[in-house]
Protein backbone atom coordinates (compact mmCIF):
# COMPACT_ATOMS: atom_id res chain seq x y z
CA MET A 1 0.00 0.00 0.00
CA SER A 2 2.97 2.28 0.61
CA ASN A 3 3.98 1.99 -3.05
CA CYS A 4 0.52 3.16 -4.05
CA THR A 5 0.79 6.14 -1.74
CA GLY A 6 4.20 7.11 -3.03
CA ARG A 7 3.26 6.94 -6.69
CA SER A 8 0.03 8.83 -6.05
CA ALA A 9 1.99 11.58 -4.35
CA ARG A 10 4.26 11.91 -7.39
CA LEU A 11 1.22 12.13 -9.68
CA ILE A 12 -0.51 14.88 -7.69
CA PRO A 13 1.59 17.74 -9.19
CA LEU A 14 0.81 16.40 -12.64
CA PHE A 15 -2.93 16.37 -11.95
CA LEU A 16 -2.82 19.88 -10.51
CA SER A 17 -0.95 21.21 -13.52
CA VAL A 18 -3.56 19.68 -15.81
CA VAL A 19 -6.40 21.22 -13.84
CA LEU A 20 -4.75 24.63 -13.70
CA ALA A 21 -4.20 24.53 -17.44
CA ALA A 22 -7.87 23.76 -18.07
CA CYS A 23 -9.79 26.24 -20.16
CA THR A 24 -13.46 27.03 -20.58
CA VAL A 25 -14.83 26.72 -24.09
CA GLY A 26 -17.89 28.53 -25.38
CA PRO A 27 -18.70 32.26 -25.43
CA ASP A 28 -18.55 34.33 -22.27
CA TYR A 29 -21.93 35.86 -21.44
CA GLN A 30 -22.74 39.43 -22.41
CA ARG A 31 -26.16 40.79 -21.49
CA PRO A 32 -28.15 41.59 -24.66
CA GLU A 33 -28.57 45.28 -25.29
CA VAL A 34 -32.09 46.67 -24.97
CA SER A 35 -33.04 50.33 -25.37
CA LEU A 36 -35.84 51.58 -23.11
CA GLY A 37 -35.32 55.32 -23.51
CA THR A 38 -34.47 57.89 -20.86
CA ALA A 39 -37.93 58.88 -19.61
CA PHE A 40 -41.54 57.74 -19.70
CA GLU A 41 -43.62 59.62 -22.24
CA GLN A 42 -46.70 59.81 -20.00
CA LEU A 43 -44.77 61.63 -17.25
CA GLN A 44 -44.33 64.68 -19.47
CA ASP A 45 -46.70 67.53 -18.64
CA ASN A 46 -48.30 65.39 -15.95
CA PRO A 47 -47.83 67.12 -12.58
CA GLY A 48 -49.59 64.32 -10.71
CA TRP A 49 -46.93 61.75 -11.54
CA MET A 50 -43.48 63.27 -11.34
CA PRO A 51 -40.38 61.13 -11.90
CA ALA A 52 -38.64 59.87 -8.78
CA LYS A 53 -35.63 61.92 -7.75
CA PRO A 54 -32.64 61.06 -5.56
CA GLY A 55 -33.85 60.69 -1.99
CA THR A 56 -37.41 59.79 -2.97
CA PRO A 57 -38.59 56.84 -0.82
CA ALA A 58 -38.82 53.69 -2.90
CA ILE A 59 -41.78 51.34 -2.87
CA GLY A 60 -41.19 48.80 -0.13
CA GLN A 61 -41.69 45.07 -0.46
CA GLN A 62 -44.98 45.51 1.41
CA TRP A 63 -46.11 47.97 -1.23
CA TRP A 64 -49.82 47.51 -0.50
CA GLN A 65 -49.39 49.47 2.72
CA ILE A 66 -49.29 52.69 0.68
CA PHE A 67 -53.10 52.38 0.46
CA ASN A 68 -53.44 52.56 4.28
CA ASP A 69 -56.13 49.87 4.45
CA ASN A 70 -55.86 47.59 7.49
CA VAL A 71 -58.21 44.99 6.03
CA LEU A 72 -56.10 44.76 2.87
CA ASN A 73 -52.95 44.47 4.98
CA GLY A 74 -54.41 41.52 6.87
CA LEU A 75 -55.48 39.78 3.67
CA MET A 76 -51.99 40.23 2.23
CA ALA A 77 -50.43 38.59 5.28
CA THR A 78 -52.66 35.56 4.78
CA LEU A 79 -51.94 35.45 1.04
CA ASN A 80 -48.18 35.52 1.52
CA ALA A 81 -48.45 32.55 3.90
CA GLN A 82 -51.08 30.44 2.14
CA ASN A 83 -51.31 31.25 -1.58
CA LEU A 84 -50.89 28.06 -3.57
CA SER A 85 -49.34 29.72 -6.64
CA ILE A 86 -46.60 31.11 -4.40
CA GLU A 87 -46.18 27.69 -2.78
CA GLN A 88 -45.82 26.10 -6.21
CA ALA A 89 -43.24 28.68 -7.29
CA GLN A 90 -41.33 28.12 -4.04
CA ALA A 91 -41.19 24.38 -4.69
CA GLN A 92 -39.94 24.98 -8.23
CA TYR A 93 -37.25 27.29 -6.86
CA ASP A 94 -36.19 24.60 -4.38
CA GLN A 95 -35.94 22.16 -7.28
CA ALA A 96 -33.71 24.61 -9.13
CA LEU A 97 -31.37 24.82 -6.14
CA THR A 98 -31.04 21.04 -6.01
CA SER A 99 -30.21 21.05 -9.73
CA VAL A 100 -27.37 23.47 -9.02
CA ARG A 101 -26.00 21.30 -6.25
CA SER A 102 -26.21 18.28 -8.55
CA ALA A 103 -24.35 20.09 -11.34
CA ASN A 104 -21.77 21.44 -8.91
CA ALA A 105 -21.07 17.95 -7.55
CA ALA A 106 -19.69 16.90 -10.96
CA LEU A 107 -16.64 19.10 -10.29
CA TYR A 108 -15.51 16.86 -7.45
CA PRO A 109 -14.25 13.27 -7.25
CA THR A 110 -16.58 10.38 -6.59
CA LEU A 111 -15.52 8.02 -3.81
CA GLY A 112 -17.13 4.61 -3.41
CA LEU A 113 -16.78 1.65 -1.06
CA ASN A 114 -17.34 -1.91 -2.25
CA ALA A 115 -17.36 -5.24 -0.42
CA ASP A 116 -17.93 -8.61 -2.12
CA LEU A 117 -18.18 -12.20 -1.04
CA VAL A 118 -18.07 -14.56 -4.04
CA ARG A 119 -18.47 -18.34 -4.06
CA ALA A 120 -17.05 -19.77 -7.32
CA ASP A 121 -16.02 -23.02 -8.95
CA ALA A 122 -13.09 -23.05 -11.43
CA PRO A 123 -10.84 -25.74 -13.00
CA ILE A 124 -7.51 -26.46 -11.32
CA LEU A 125 -4.57 -25.31 -13.48
CA LEU A 126 -0.95 -26.33 -13.34
CA PRO A 127 1.13 -23.64 -11.67
CA GLY A 128 2.26 -21.11 -14.27
CA SER A 129 0.49 -22.98 -17.04
CA PRO A 130 -2.89 -22.80 -18.75
CA VAL A 131 -3.03 -26.62 -18.69
CA VAL A 132 -5.87 -28.05 -16.65
CA ALA A 133 -4.49 -30.39 -14.01
CA GLY A 134 -7.88 -31.92 -13.48
CA GLY A 135 -11.25 -31.52 -11.86
CA SER A 136 -12.39 -28.27 -10.47
CA GLY A 137 -12.24 -26.67 -7.11
CA ALA A 138 -14.80 -24.54 -5.35
CA TYR A 139 -13.53 -21.56 -3.41
CA THR A 140 -14.75 -18.38 -1.66
CA GLU A 141 -13.22 -14.99 -2.45
CA TYR A 142 -13.45 -12.02 -0.13
CA ASP A 143 -13.05 -8.56 -1.65
CA ALA A 144 -13.12 -5.09 -0.03
CA SER A 145 -12.05 -2.01 -1.97
CA LEU A 146 -12.20 1.77 -2.03
CA GLY A 147 -12.54 3.39 -5.47
CA LEU A 148 -12.15 6.98 -6.62
CA SER A 149 -13.14 8.47 -9.98
CA TRP A 150 -12.63 12.07 -11.06
CA GLU A 151 -13.52 13.57 -14.42
CA ILE A 152 -11.12 16.47 -14.96
CA ASP A 153 -12.98 19.48 -16.35
CA LEU A 154 -10.33 20.27 -18.96
CA TRP A 155 -12.54 22.26 -21.30
CA GLY A 156 -14.97 23.80 -18.84
CA GLY A 157 -18.00 21.79 -19.92
CA ILE A 158 -18.90 20.95 -16.33
CA ARG A 159 -18.28 24.51 -15.21
CA ARG A 160 -20.52 25.78 -18.00
CA GLY A 161 -23.16 23.34 -16.78
CA VAL A 162 -22.86 24.74 -13.26
CA GLU A 163 -23.03 28.25 -14.70
CA SER A 164 -26.21 27.37 -16.57
CA ALA A 165 -27.77 25.77 -13.49
CA GLN A 166 -26.92 28.79 -11.33
CA ALA A 167 -28.46 31.19 -13.84
CA SER A 168 -31.55 29.00 -14.08
CA ALA A 169 -31.85 28.99 -10.29
CA GLN A 170 -31.62 32.77 -10.23
CA ALA A 171 -34.33 32.89 -12.89
CA SER A 172 -36.44 30.64 -10.68
CA ALA A 173 -35.88 33.01 -7.76
CA ALA A 174 -37.16 35.84 -9.94
CA ASP A 175 -40.12 33.66 -10.97
CA LEU A 176 -40.93 33.20 -7.29
CA ALA A 177 -40.85 36.97 -6.76
CA GLY A 178 -43.02 37.41 -9.85
CA ALA A 179 -45.55 34.87 -8.55
CA LYS A 180 -45.75 36.73 -5.26
CA LEU A 181 -46.18 40.09 -6.98
CA SER A 182 -48.82 38.73 -9.35
CA ALA A 183 -50.84 37.17 -6.52
CA GLN A 184 -50.55 40.31 -4.41
CA ALA A 185 -51.66 42.52 -7.29
CA ALA A 186 -54.61 40.23 -8.04
CA LEU A 187 -55.69 40.37 -4.42
CA ALA A 188 -55.41 44.16 -4.18
CA SER A 189 -57.27 44.72 -7.45
CA THR A 190 -60.04 42.26 -6.53
CA TYR A 191 -60.33 43.76 -3.05
CA PHE A 192 -60.87 47.25 -4.45
CA GLN A 193 -63.49 45.90 -6.85
CA VAL A 194 -65.36 44.45 -3.88
CA ARG A 195 -65.21 47.78 -2.10
CA VAL A 196 -66.59 49.52 -5.18
CA LEU A 197 -69.52 47.11 -5.23
CA ASP A 198 -70.09 47.66 -1.49
CA VAL A 199 -70.33 51.42 -1.98
CA GLN A 200 -72.54 51.03 -5.04
CA ALA A 201 -74.77 48.61 -3.13
CA ASP A 202 -75.12 51.15 -0.34
CA LEU A 203 -76.02 53.79 -2.91
CA LEU A 204 -78.66 51.51 -4.45
CA ASP A 205 -80.09 50.68 -1.03
CA ARG A 206 -80.59 54.39 -0.36
CA THR A 207 -81.94 54.85 -3.88
CA VAL A 208 -84.48 52.03 -3.44
CA THR A 209 -85.64 53.63 -0.19
CA SER A 210 -86.03 57.00 -1.97
CA TYR A 211 -87.88 55.41 -4.89
CA GLU A 212 -90.25 53.66 -2.48
CA ARG A 213 -91.13 57.03 -0.99
CA SER A 214 -91.64 58.47 -4.46
CA LEU A 215 -93.96 55.59 -5.38
CA ARG A 216 -96.05 56.09 -2.26
CA MET A 217 -96.27 59.82 -2.91
CA THR A 218 -97.26 59.25 -6.54
CA GLU A 219 -99.92 56.76 -5.52
CA SER A 220 -101.30 59.28 -3.04
CA LEU A 221 -101.39 61.98 -5.70
CA GLN A 222 -103.13 59.59 -8.08
CA LYS A 223 -105.81 58.79 -5.49
CA ALA A 224 -106.33 62.52 -4.95
CA GLY A 225 -106.75 62.99 -8.69
CA LEU A 226 -103.67 65.16 -9.01
CA THR A 227 -101.90 62.77 -11.36
CA ASP A 228 -102.73 59.77 -13.51
CA LYS A 229 -101.86 56.07 -13.48
CA GLY A 230 -99.04 56.69 -15.94
CA ASP A 231 -96.96 58.40 -13.26
CA VAL A 232 -97.58 55.51 -10.87
CA ALA A 233 -96.43 53.06 -13.53
CA VAL A 234 -93.27 55.10 -14.11
CA ALA A 235 -92.51 55.20 -10.38
CA GLN A 236 -93.09 51.45 -10.06
CA THR A 237 -90.84 50.73 -13.04
CA GLN A 238 -88.14 52.95 -11.62
CA LEU A 239 -88.28 51.17 -8.26
CA ASP A 240 -88.16 47.68 -9.76
CA THR A 241 -85.21 48.64 -11.96
CA ALA A 242 -83.25 49.86 -8.94
CA ARG A 243 -84.07 46.66 -7.06
CA ALA A 244 -82.86 44.55 -9.98
CA GLN A 245 -79.62 46.51 -10.12
CA ARG A 246 -79.13 45.93 -6.40
CA LEU A 247 -79.67 42.18 -6.81
CA ASP A 248 -77.20 42.14 -9.72
CA LEU A 249 -74.47 43.37 -7.39
CA GLN A 250 -74.95 40.39 -5.07
CA TRP A 251 -73.69 37.70 -7.46
CA ARG A 252 -70.92 39.93 -8.74
CA ARG A 253 -69.67 40.52 -5.20
CA ALA A 254 -69.99 36.83 -4.38
CA GLN A 255 -67.80 35.92 -7.35
CA LEU A 256 -65.12 38.42 -6.34
CA GLU A 257 -65.27 37.16 -2.76
CA ASN A 258 -64.75 33.61 -4.02
CA ALA A 259 -61.77 34.77 -6.07
CA ILE A 260 -60.21 36.30 -2.95
CA ALA A 261 -60.77 33.05 -1.04
CA VAL A 262 -58.88 31.06 -3.69
CA LEU A 263 -56.05 33.60 -3.65
CA LEU A 264 -55.82 33.09 0.10
CA GLY A 265 -55.71 29.32 -0.32
CA GLU A 266 -59.09 28.85 1.34
CA ALA A 267 -62.36 27.22 0.31
CA PRO A 268 -64.91 29.85 -0.82
CA SER A 269 -67.50 28.38 1.53
CA SER A 270 -65.31 29.13 4.55
CA PHE A 271 -64.40 32.69 3.63
CA GLU A 272 -66.40 35.86 4.07
CA LEU A 273 -65.32 39.45 3.59
CA ALA A 274 -67.28 41.91 5.70
CA VAL A 275 -69.06 44.74 3.92
CA LYS A 276 -67.33 48.10 4.04
CA VAL A 277 -68.98 51.12 2.43
CA ASP A 278 -66.03 53.47 2.87
CA LEU A 279 -64.05 54.19 -0.29
CA SER A 280 -62.31 57.30 0.96
CA VAL A 281 -58.84 55.91 0.17
CA GLN A 282 -57.07 57.95 -2.48
CA PRO A 283 -54.68 56.66 -5.15
CA PRO A 284 -51.16 57.14 -3.73
CA GLN A 285 -48.30 58.98 -5.34
CA ILE A 286 -45.95 56.33 -6.70
CA PRO A 287 -42.27 57.05 -7.49
CA VAL A 288 -41.78 56.00 -11.10
CA GLY A 289 -38.08 56.52 -11.77
CA VAL A 290 -36.52 56.01 -15.21
CA PRO A 291 -37.28 53.25 -17.74
CA SER A 292 -33.89 51.56 -17.35
CA ALA A 293 -34.72 50.89 -13.68
CA LEU A 294 -37.20 48.29 -14.89
CA LEU A 295 -34.27 46.03 -15.74
CA GLN A 296 -33.44 45.96 -12.03
CA ARG A 297 -36.97 46.06 -10.59
CA ARG A 298 -39.06 43.71 -12.68
CA PRO A 299 -38.89 40.01 -11.71
CA ASP A 300 -40.00 38.86 -15.16
CA ILE A 301 -37.24 40.87 -16.86
CA ALA A 302 -34.65 39.52 -14.42
CA ALA A 303 -35.89 35.97 -15.01
CA ALA A 304 -35.68 36.40 -18.80
CA GLU A 305 -32.15 37.82 -18.51
CA ARG A 306 -30.98 34.95 -16.30
CA ARG A 307 -32.46 32.41 -18.69
CA THR A 308 -30.51 34.12 -21.46
CA ALA A 309 -27.33 33.63 -19.41
CA ALA A 310 -28.22 29.98 -18.86
CA ALA A 311 -28.77 29.50 -22.60
CA ASN A 312 -25.37 31.06 -23.31
CA ALA A 313 -23.67 28.65 -20.89
CA ARG A 314 -25.31 25.70 -22.63
CA ILE A 315 -23.38 26.64 -25.78
CA GLY A 316 -20.19 25.97 -23.84
CA VAL A 317 -21.54 22.65 -22.60
CA ALA A 318 -22.28 21.59 -26.18
CA THR A 319 -18.91 22.85 -27.44
CA ALA A 320 -17.00 20.88 -24.80
CA ALA A 321 -18.33 17.66 -26.32
CA TRP A 322 -15.88 18.15 -29.21
CA PHE A 323 -12.90 17.63 -26.89
CA PRO A 324 -11.65 14.46 -25.14
CA ASP A 325 -12.76 13.59 -21.62
CA LEU A 326 -10.04 12.84 -19.07
CA THR A 327 -11.01 10.68 -16.11
CA ILE A 328 -8.66 9.74 -13.28
CA SER A 329 -9.50 6.46 -11.57
CA ALA A 330 -7.91 4.94 -8.48
CA SER A 331 -8.80 1.93 -6.40
CA GLY A 332 -7.26 -0.08 -3.62
CA GLY A 333 -8.25 -2.73 -1.14
CA TYR A 334 -7.92 -6.30 -0.05
CA ARG A 335 -8.77 -9.56 -1.83
CA SER A 336 -8.25 -13.03 -0.39
CA ARG A 337 -9.65 -16.57 -0.51
CA GLN A 338 -9.07 -16.94 3.21
CA PHE A 339 -11.29 -14.95 5.54
CA THR A 340 -8.69 -14.94 8.27
CA GLN A 341 -6.14 -13.44 5.88
CA TRP A 342 -8.52 -10.99 4.22
CA PHE A 343 -6.90 -7.83 5.56
CA ASN A 344 -3.33 -9.03 5.65
CA ALA A 345 -0.62 -7.27 3.69
CA PRO A 346 -0.28 -9.94 1.00
CA ALA A 347 -3.96 -9.51 0.17
CA GLN A 348 -3.54 -5.85 -0.75
CA PHE A 349 -4.12 -4.56 -4.26
CA TRP A 350 -4.31 -1.15 -5.92
CA ALA A 351 -4.81 0.42 -9.33
CA LEU A 352 -4.32 3.94 -10.62
CA GLY A 353 -4.55 5.40 -14.07
CA PRO A 354 -6.05 8.02 -16.37
CA ALA A 355 -8.58 7.34 -19.11
CA LEU A 356 -8.93 9.53 -22.18
CA ALA A 357 -12.09 9.23 -24.30
CA MET A 358 -13.08 11.11 -27.41
CA ALA A 359 -15.74 10.58 -30.05
CA ILE A 360 -14.25 10.50 -33.55
CA PHE A 361 -17.39 10.38 -35.64
CA ASP A 362 -20.97 10.99 -34.54
CA GLY A 363 -22.75 11.85 -37.77
CA GLY A 364 -22.91 15.57 -36.96
CA ARG A 365 -24.68 15.15 -33.62
CA ARG A 366 -22.30 17.38 -31.63
CA GLN A 367 -22.39 20.16 -34.21
CA ALA A 368 -26.17 19.96 -34.26
CA GLN A 369 -26.20 20.29 -30.46
CA ILE A 370 -24.01 23.40 -30.67
CA GLU A 371 -26.24 24.98 -33.29
CA ASP A 372 -29.31 24.08 -31.22
CA ALA A 373 -27.78 25.78 -28.16
CA GLN A 374 -26.89 28.85 -30.23
CA ALA A 375 -30.42 29.09 -31.58
CA GLY A 376 -31.78 28.68 -28.04
CA PHE A 377 -29.62 31.58 -26.91
CA ARG A 378 -30.85 33.83 -29.70
CA ALA A 379 -34.45 32.93 -28.92
CA GLN A 380 -33.98 33.64 -25.22
CA ALA A 381 -32.21 36.93 -25.97
CA ALA A 382 -35.16 38.00 -28.12
CA SER A 383 -37.51 36.96 -25.31
CA TYR A 384 -35.52 39.12 -22.89
CA ARG A 385 -35.77 42.16 -25.15
CA LEU A 386 -39.48 41.57 -25.77
CA THR A 387 -40.17 41.21 -22.04
CA SER A 388 -38.37 44.49 -21.41
CA LEU A 389 -40.37 46.33 -24.06
CA ARG A 390 -43.64 44.91 -22.81
CA ALA A 391 -42.75 46.05 -19.31
CA LEU A 392 -42.19 49.53 -20.68
CA GLN A 393 -45.58 49.35 -22.38
CA GLU A 394 -47.30 48.30 -19.14
CA VAL A 395 -45.86 51.26 -17.26
CA GLU A 396 -46.87 53.69 -20.01
CA ASP A 397 -50.37 52.16 -20.12
CA ALA A 398 -50.78 52.47 -16.35
CA LEU A 399 -49.53 56.07 -16.37
CA VAL A 400 -51.87 57.18 -19.14
CA GLN A 401 -54.76 55.35 -17.46
CA LEU A 402 -54.11 57.13 -14.18
CA ARG A 403 -53.77 60.49 -15.90
CA VAL A 404 -57.00 60.12 -17.88
CA LEU A 405 -58.95 58.65 -14.97
CA ALA A 406 -57.99 61.62 -12.78
CA GLN A 407 -59.49 63.90 -15.44
CA VAL A 408 -62.56 61.66 -15.79
CA GLN A 409 -63.12 61.81 -12.04
CA GLN A 410 -63.19 65.60 -12.12
CA VAL A 411 -65.63 65.63 -15.03
CA GLN A 412 -67.74 62.94 -13.37
CA ALA A 413 -67.93 64.92 -10.12
CA SER A 414 -69.15 67.92 -12.12
CA ALA A 415 -71.73 65.72 -13.84
CA VAL A 416 -73.03 64.44 -10.47
CA ALA A 417 -73.37 68.00 -9.15
CA ALA A 418 -75.21 69.12 -12.29
CA ALA A 419 -77.55 66.10 -12.16
CA ARG A 420 -78.40 66.80 -8.53
CA GLU A 421 -79.23 70.43 -9.29
CA SER A 422 -81.35 69.48 -12.31
CA LEU A 423 -83.24 66.94 -10.23
CA ARG A 424 -83.87 69.46 -7.46
CA ILE A 425 -85.38 71.92 -9.91
CA ARG A 426 -87.51 69.27 -11.64
CA ARG A 427 -88.83 67.93 -8.34
CA ASN A 428 -89.96 71.39 -7.34
CA GLN A 429 -91.77 71.70 -10.69
CA TYR A 430 -93.40 68.29 -10.21
CA GLU A 431 -94.64 69.15 -6.72
CA LYS A 432 -96.25 72.28 -8.21
CA GLY A 433 -97.89 70.21 -10.92
CA LEU A 434 -95.93 71.81 -13.75
CA VAL A 435 -94.38 68.57 -15.08
CA ASP A 436 -95.23 64.87 -14.98
CA TYR A 437 -93.31 62.27 -12.97
CA LEU A 438 -91.60 60.82 -16.03
CA SER A 439 -89.36 63.88 -16.33
CA VAL A 440 -88.44 63.51 -12.67
CA ALA A 441 -87.74 59.82 -13.07
CA LEU A 442 -85.45 60.43 -16.00
CA LEU A 443 -83.34 62.86 -13.97
CA GLU A 444 -83.26 60.51 -10.98
CA THR A 445 -81.97 57.74 -13.25
CA THR A 446 -79.38 60.10 -14.68
CA LEU A 447 -78.21 61.05 -11.20
CA LEU A 448 -78.01 57.40 -10.11
CA ASN A 449 -75.95 56.45 -13.15
CA ASN A 450 -73.58 59.35 -12.63
CA GLU A 451 -73.12 58.53 -8.95
CA ARG A 452 -72.40 54.89 -9.75
CA ASN A 453 -69.97 55.96 -12.47
CA ALA A 454 -68.18 58.25 -10.02
CA ILE A 455 -67.75 55.37 -7.59
CA GLY A 456 -66.56 53.13 -10.42
CA VAL A 457 -63.99 55.70 -11.56
CA MET A 458 -62.51 55.86 -8.07
CA GLY A 459 -62.23 52.07 -8.08
CA ASP A 460 -60.62 52.18 -11.52
CA ARG A 461 -58.04 54.67 -10.25
CA LEU A 462 -57.15 52.39 -7.34
CA SER A 463 -56.86 49.40 -9.65
CA ALA A 464 -54.71 51.44 -12.05
CA SER A 465 -52.44 52.33 -9.12
CA VAL A 466 -52.04 48.63 -8.40
CA LYS A 467 -51.19 48.06 -12.06
CA LEU A 468 -48.54 50.76 -11.94
CA VAL A 469 -46.95 49.29 -8.82
CA THR A 470 -46.94 45.87 -10.50
CA ALA A 471 -45.53 47.27 -13.74
CA LEU A 472 -42.70 48.89 -11.77
CA GLY A 473 -41.88 45.58 -10.07
CA GLY A 474 -43.28 46.37 -6.63
CA GLY A 475 -40.59 46.56 -3.99
CA TRP A 476 -38.45 43.82 -5.52
CA SER A 477 -34.88 44.25 -6.78
CA VAL A 478 -32.34 42.03 -8.53
CA ASP A 479 -30.09 42.59 -5.51
CA GLN A 480 -32.22 39.95 -3.78
CA MET A 481 -30.81 37.37 -6.20
CA SER A 482 -27.21 37.87 -4.98
CA ASN A 483 -27.82 35.67 -1.96
CA THR A 484 -29.18 33.03 -4.30
CA SER A 485 -25.95 33.12 -6.31
CA ASN A 486 -23.85 32.68 -3.17
CA ALA A 487 -26.00 29.85 -1.89
CA VAL A 488 -25.93 27.80 -5.06
CA SER A 489 -22.22 28.15 -5.71
CA ALA A 490 -21.22 26.09 -2.70
CA PRO A 491 -20.33 22.41 -3.32
């Protein structure tokens, strides 16, 4: 065994020199260029949405708190703990980390222990001769050995594989952040829709009560001969229409409530969201920043960029297949036909040697794999650029929506005020007998529609604010992937 140790020691410098001389084939990664401009178009001449400046507080990871709604905050806490889409993305991220550890393990030697007990029967040969002396003899052979195998990464194919796995894991980390942001945005948007329906339902309840009074008054006037049955029919129609609209809100709210339950990972039958008729929350001011910041803030862009890096590394993996593989194998142990002498010095054996393997002809398979990897990189690079441009579009869309909705809200408020004044004047005329009830009913319907539209516009502004936060990436940053890189690089 000492001879084995001595020879191995003399071979160690040779192995180290080979490893140090190893190179890494394939192209080094360069992030694809993508032009997003220097400023968002919709921020120009828009005093309500000024670009973020140095020192402006950024949106935190708990971005929903900018709406100052305690109920929403509580729902978000439940969602972050129980949402099944987030749980699925977390499991996929954990799988990606195990893939990195598996790829990283290929850089290190494999050590195995083997023990055999073999009962055999072989012919008896003359000593030093292949001549059979006669008969056969049964014997038992005891074998215990320790084997080591190490594939030297001469051309960097394994390292490129690790590089690809690490980039894929970082992309999975960004996917997890994207799943969280998507679920959070869906919850916030659905929650505000429920609140809009609650306020509209309260408005319709008050409207039904008012219409019931109008019907009773019209019936009294008809009995007194001051009006005809036509006015009573109009009042009854108006009341029934309002009641139908109120009933319509019930199933719409129930569906939204069920959607929230699923987002929270709960059965719809076990979840109930209490009615709240307050919609006084205002759309918050959101720091927008510059377009290029999207490359650092959007999880989907970061995921696409990391997948591009992974695709680039796979070119190196495919290229390394053109070069020979060098594997160092070593084994040593004891082998004896006598159990009592199994671990004695004469029963020792060892083996050490390199193995070089290289494919000479494969019908173009390796070249096809390289070209496939190159095409995959180009496709992923295009996907990265497209994702970046779509992100820019989403921000611009949210900004223009917020700008226009703010103007619509002002016009809608003016319309509500004008409808109320028109109705007041027409009611006075009706009470004096100057007009019929149909003209009053028409103005009451106009006022109701305008009031419901005003409530809907406020809800649309809140939903648009959620869209803008989502388009900007919430409070996430690519800096959160650095820990992932450190974690997956360990053997």
